[in-house]
Structures are given as C-alpha cells and as structure tokens.
C-alpha cells in the first residue's frame, strides 16, 4: 500500500492549511519519505472512520495507521532510523516547543485570522466552521478579528523566545532544522495559507528563519498556495 497523508483543505485541494498537517508534511520531507496527499475537509468525517479518529493529519504507512502530528513524528523516527532524525534525543524531552506553539501561538493567531477561513471553504464546511468557532469564541468571527492590525505588535512580542534563539543560529535545532522547527513553522504556515495579514516584519530573525524554512526541500512550502503574508 502506498504511503498516504490525510491533510485538511478547503475548496481548493492544493491549499492545505492545517498547522498540524504542515508539521507532518515537513517531517516526512525531512526523512526523505514520499507520501500521497489525500485532501480532507471538516465535514468529511466518514473518510477517517478507518482510523477511528476525526481529525487530521492521519498517516497510513503500509499496514500502520498513525494519528496526531506528534505521534506521526515519533513513529517516523522509530520506523525509519536510518533517515535524518527529527529529534535530537528522546522525543519526550523535546515536547516543550510543540506544546508552547499549541498553547501560546495558535490561540493568538486564531484571534487574528479566524475570519479569513470561511471564504476558502465549501458551503457545508463554512457553516460548520462558523458555528463551531463562534461557539468557541462566544462572538461573531468578524468581532474576534476586529482591529487586528492594532494587535500585531502584541502578537510579534509573543515570538520573542524564538527571536532570541534565532539571533544566534540558523534554526531552532541549531545548524539544521529538527522537529522543533517544523512545529513552529507549521504553526506559521497556517496564517500564510489562509490570510493576507502581514504577521512578520522584514528584518525580524523570525522572518529570516521562516524564509529559510520555506526554501527547504526544494521549496516545498514556498510553492504551496498561500497569501504570502
């Protein structure tokens, strides 16, 4: 069976925008592994019934099915030890960066870009997305992102831990990227894929790092449909 990666998309199957799917896509590329991309949409729950899971990414690798981006990364290092490592030590010792991205960056990003997503979705998916996210935020999506340009300095300040590291080295992993880079980069590929809001300023070490990440693996991420923000 061919290796497959189920990834979130909207009406355009090439515009895949889940931060977690980007983590897994970059992890596969780092390991030098090919995978057929299977586009998946919010309301297509039946398509994942085989995995007993309702979210993406889902990796199918021969007779193995792996769910969750972290579990996929751990699996790839265990199943393909001869390929470049994603973790520079025991995976459990390197959970801080992905967890920080999930707990700090993703909620802050959602408040800036969530209203940009419905136009990229089909009718059923847009209705689901709007209802579920407005319930989560307790307000209309347009209210969530109102005045967002004025909130950019606060968001950029959140990136300071990344900035401090990247002032002294090319990647979070040092001279070469590791899974910590892919976790942070995947998080920032979400807004690049769905929103024209310019999050990063030229001259910021985080911006320069993102440019290096975009160019990895023959420009895998740079060539993806995006708003280039």
Protein backbone atom coordinates (compact mmCIF):
# COMPACT_ATOMS: atom_id res chain seq x y z
CA UNK A 1 0.00 0.00 0.00
CA UNK A 2 1.31 3.46 -0.89
CA UNK A 3 2.08 5.81 1.98
CA UNK A 4 -0.72 8.37 2.41
CA UNK A 5 -1.10 11.57 4.44
CA UNK A 6 -4.61 12.91 5.02
CA UNK A 7 -4.49 16.71 5.13
CA UNK A 8 -7.05 19.48 5.69
CA UNK A 9 -8.05 21.63 2.73
CA UNK A 10 -10.92 23.80 1.55
CA UNK A 11 -12.49 24.14 -1.87
CA UNK A 12 -9.01 24.23 -3.39
CA UNK A 13 -7.49 20.80 -2.66
CA UNK A 14 -3.99 22.22 -3.13
CA UNK A 15 -4.40 24.84 -0.37
CA UNK A 16 -3.75 22.71 2.69
CA UNK A 17 -3.70 24.84 5.78
CA UNK A 18 -3.71 22.81 8.99
CA UNK A 19 -0.70 23.71 11.17
CA UNK A 20 -0.53 20.11 12.34
CA UNK A 21 -0.61 18.73 8.81
CA UNK A 22 2.25 21.05 7.88
CA UNK A 23 4.26 19.66 10.77
CA UNK A 24 3.78 16.14 9.42
CA UNK A 25 4.40 17.11 5.82
CA UNK A 26 7.70 18.76 6.72
CA UNK A 27 8.64 15.80 8.94
CA UNK A 28 8.12 13.39 6.04
CA UNK A 29 10.21 15.59 3.75
CA UNK A 30 12.97 15.76 6.37
CA UNK A 31 13.02 11.96 6.47
CA UNK A 32 13.09 11.82 2.67
CA UNK A 33 9.80 9.93 2.53
CA UNK A 34 7.20 10.26 -0.22
CA UNK A 35 3.51 10.28 0.65
CA UNK A 36 0.38 10.63 -1.44
CA UNK A 37 -1.62 13.57 -0.11
CA UNK A 38 -5.30 12.81 0.46
CA UNK A 39 -7.30 16.06 0.76
CA UNK A 40 -9.77 16.05 3.65
CA UNK A 41 -12.43 18.55 4.68
CA UNK A 42 -14.06 19.41 8.01
CA UNK A 43 -17.37 17.64 7.39
CA UNK A 44 -15.87 14.56 5.72
CA UNK A 45 -15.78 12.55 8.94
CA UNK A 46 -16.63 9.26 7.23
CA UNK A 47 -13.34 9.37 5.31
CA UNK A 48 -11.43 8.88 8.59
CA UNK A 49 -13.62 6.14 10.02
CA UNK A 50 -10.92 3.56 9.25
CA UNK A 51 -8.54 5.42 11.60
CA UNK A 52 -11.10 5.71 14.43
CA UNK A 53 -10.21 9.39 14.51
CA UNK A 54 -11.96 12.60 13.48
CA UNK A 55 -9.03 14.95 12.82
CA UNK A 56 -6.03 15.23 10.54
CA UNK A 57 -3.21 14.57 9.95
CA UNK A 58 -3.57 10.83 9.57
CA UNK A 59 -0.64 8.87 8.18
CA UNK A 60 -1.15 5.50 6.51
CA UNK A 61 2.15 3.69 6.08
CA UNK A 62 1.65 0.18 4.77
CA UNK A 63 -0.35 -1.64 7.42
CA UNK A 64 0.20 1.11 10.02
CA UNK A 65 -2.19 3.98 10.64
CA UNK A 66 -0.87 6.80 12.84
CA UNK A 67 -2.94 9.75 14.06
CA UNK A 68 -1.80 13.07 15.59
CA UNK A 69 1.19 15.06 14.33
CA UNK A 70 3.33 14.36 17.40
CA UNK A 71 2.69 10.61 17.22
CA UNK A 72 3.48 10.69 13.49
CA UNK A 73 6.86 12.34 14.14
CA UNK A 74 7.75 9.82 16.85
CA UNK A 75 6.67 6.96 14.59
CA UNK A 76 8.77 8.21 11.67
CA UNK A 77 11.95 8.30 13.75
CA UNK A 78 11.25 4.83 15.12
CA UNK A 79 10.24 3.27 11.79
CA UNK A 80 12.98 4.92 9.71
CA UNK A 81 16.03 5.21 12.00
CA UNK A 82 18.44 5.33 9.03
CA UNK A 83 16.91 8.60 7.74
CA UNK A 84 17.74 12.04 9.24
CA UNK A 85 16.47 12.29 12.80
CA UNK A 86 13.57 14.55 13.73
CA UNK A 87 14.53 14.52 17.42
CA UNK A 88 17.96 15.23 18.87
CA UNK A 89 17.36 12.93 21.81
CA UNK A 90 14.35 11.19 23.38
CA UNK A 91 11.17 12.71 21.89
CA UNK A 92 9.62 13.21 25.32
CA UNK A 93 12.49 15.54 26.24
CA UNK A 94 11.59 17.85 23.34
CA UNK A 95 7.88 18.38 23.83
CA UNK A 96 8.18 21.96 25.07
CA UNK A 97 8.34 23.73 21.70
CA UNK A 98 5.31 22.00 20.09
CA UNK A 99 3.36 22.45 23.33
CA UNK A 100 4.31 26.15 23.52
CA UNK A 101 3.18 26.62 19.92
CA UNK A 102 -0.15 24.94 20.71
CA UNK A 103 -0.74 26.80 23.97
CA UNK A 104 0.56 30.27 23.07
CA UNK A 105 0.95 30.86 19.33
CA UNK A 106 -2.09 29.08 17.92
CA UNK A 107 -4.66 30.81 20.17
CA UNK A 108 -3.08 34.20 19.44
CA UNK A 109 -3.09 33.51 15.70
CA UNK A 110 -6.71 32.39 15.74
CA UNK A 111 -7.76 35.78 17.11
CA UNK A 112 -6.05 37.44 14.14
CA UNK A 113 -7.04 35.23 11.19
CA UNK A 114 -10.08 33.08 12.01
CA UNK A 115 -12.45 35.26 9.96
CA UNK A 116 -10.32 34.73 6.83
CA UNK A 117 -11.02 31.00 6.68
CA UNK A 118 -14.76 30.61 5.80
CA UNK A 119 -14.39 32.07 2.25
CA UNK A 120 -11.91 29.28 1.48
CA UNK A 121 -14.41 26.55 2.38
CA UNK A 122 -17.39 24.96 0.67
CA UNK A 123 -20.86 25.77 1.95
CA UNK A 124 -21.21 22.85 4.38
CA UNK A 125 -17.70 23.23 5.76
CA UNK A 126 -18.06 27.00 6.11
CA UNK A 127 -21.32 26.59 8.02
CA UNK A 128 -19.69 24.04 10.34
CA UNK A 129 -16.61 26.19 10.84
CA UNK A 130 -18.52 29.39 11.58
CA UNK A 131 -20.91 27.72 14.02
CA UNK A 132 -18.21 25.81 15.91
CA UNK A 133 -15.75 28.71 16.13
CA UNK A 134 -18.34 31.31 17.08
CA UNK A 135 -19.46 28.97 19.85
CA UNK A 136 -15.83 28.62 20.95
CA UNK A 137 -15.18 32.37 20.99
CA UNK A 138 -18.62 33.43 22.14
CA UNK A 139 -18.93 36.05 19.40
CA UNK A 140 -19.06 36.55 15.64
CA UNK A 141 -15.84 35.79 13.80
CA UNK A 142 -15.68 39.35 12.47
CA UNK A 143 -15.75 40.57 16.07
CA UNK A 144 -12.91 38.21 17.01
CA UNK A 145 -10.57 39.74 14.43
CA UNK A 146 -11.84 43.35 14.58
CA UNK A 147 -8.97 45.85 14.76
CA UNK A 148 -6.44 43.11 14.21
CA UNK A 149 -3.76 45.34 12.70
CA UNK A 150 -3.50 47.12 16.03
CA UNK A 151 -2.95 43.77 17.74
CA UNK A 152 0.06 42.81 15.61
CA UNK A 153 2.71 44.29 17.98
CA UNK A 154 1.32 42.16 20.81
CA UNK A 155 1.48 39.03 18.64
CA UNK A 156 5.01 39.80 17.47
CA UNK A 157 6.07 40.18 21.09
CA UNK A 158 4.95 36.60 21.70
CA UNK A 159 7.58 35.45 19.22
CA UNK A 160 10.43 36.78 21.35
CA UNK A 161 11.55 33.35 22.63
CA UNK A 162 12.01 32.23 19.02
CA UNK A 163 13.69 35.51 18.17
CA UNK A 164 16.23 35.14 20.96
CA UNK A 165 17.30 31.70 19.74
CA UNK A 166 17.34 32.61 16.06
CA UNK A 167 19.57 35.62 16.57
CA UNK A 168 22.42 33.22 17.22
CA UNK A 169 21.70 30.24 14.96
CA UNK A 170 20.07 29.41 11.66
CA UNK A 171 17.44 27.02 13.01
CA UNK A 172 15.83 26.21 16.34
CA UNK A 173 17.59 22.86 16.06
CA UNK A 174 20.98 24.55 15.52
CA UNK A 175 22.78 24.32 12.19
CA UNK A 176 19.97 22.18 10.75
CA UNK A 177 16.23 22.01 11.42
CA UNK A 178 14.62 19.43 13.67
CA UNK A 179 11.06 18.77 14.80
CA UNK A 180 11.02 21.91 16.94
CA UNK A 181 11.49 23.92 13.74
CA UNK A 182 8.73 22.02 11.97
CA UNK A 183 6.33 22.55 14.88
CA UNK A 184 6.87 26.31 14.90
CA UNK A 185 6.98 26.59 11.13
CA UNK A 186 3.79 24.57 10.68
CA UNK A 187 2.08 26.92 13.11
CA UNK A 188 3.10 29.91 11.00
CA UNK A 189 2.16 28.20 7.73
CA UNK A 190 -1.44 28.26 8.88
CA UNK A 191 -1.81 32.06 8.59
CA UNK A 192 0.37 32.20 5.47
CA UNK A 193 -2.01 29.74 3.80
CA UNK A 194 -5.30 31.45 4.69
CA UNK A 195 -4.74 35.14 5.43
CA UNK A 196 -3.24 38.23 3.78
CA UNK A 197 -2.43 39.75 7.19
CA UNK A 198 1.34 40.51 7.34
CA UNK A 199 2.36 38.90 10.61
CA UNK A 200 6.15 39.14 10.41
CA UNK A 201 8.30 42.17 9.75
CA UNK A 202 11.30 42.14 7.42
CA UNK A 203 14.45 42.31 9.50
CA UNK A 204 13.00 40.12 12.24
CA UNK A 205 15.13 36.99 12.81
CA UNK A 206 11.89 35.01 12.85
CA UNK A 207 11.09 36.30 9.36
CA UNK A 208 14.56 35.32 8.09
CA UNK A 209 14.17 31.87 9.66
CA UNK A 210 10.77 31.42 8.03
CA UNK A 211 12.31 32.28 4.67
CA UNK A 212 14.91 29.53 5.19
CA UNK A 213 12.18 27.09 6.15
CA UNK A 214 10.15 27.98 3.06
CA UNK A 215 13.12 27.08 0.89
CA UNK A 216 13.75 23.66 2.44
CA UNK A 217 13.16 20.50 0.42
CA UNK A 218 13.20 22.25 -2.94
CA UNK A 219 10.81 24.99 -1.81
CA UNK A 220 8.11 22.55 -0.71
CA UNK A 221 6.32 25.11 1.47
CA UNK A 222 7.08 28.17 -0.67
CA UNK A 223 5.40 26.57 -3.68
CA UNK A 224 2.18 25.83 -1.77
CA UNK A 225 -0.82 28.11 -2.41
CA UNK A 226 -0.67 30.99 0.05
CA UNK A 227 -1.28 34.68 0.53
CA UNK A 228 2.44 35.20 1.13
CA UNK A 229 1.85 37.12 4.36
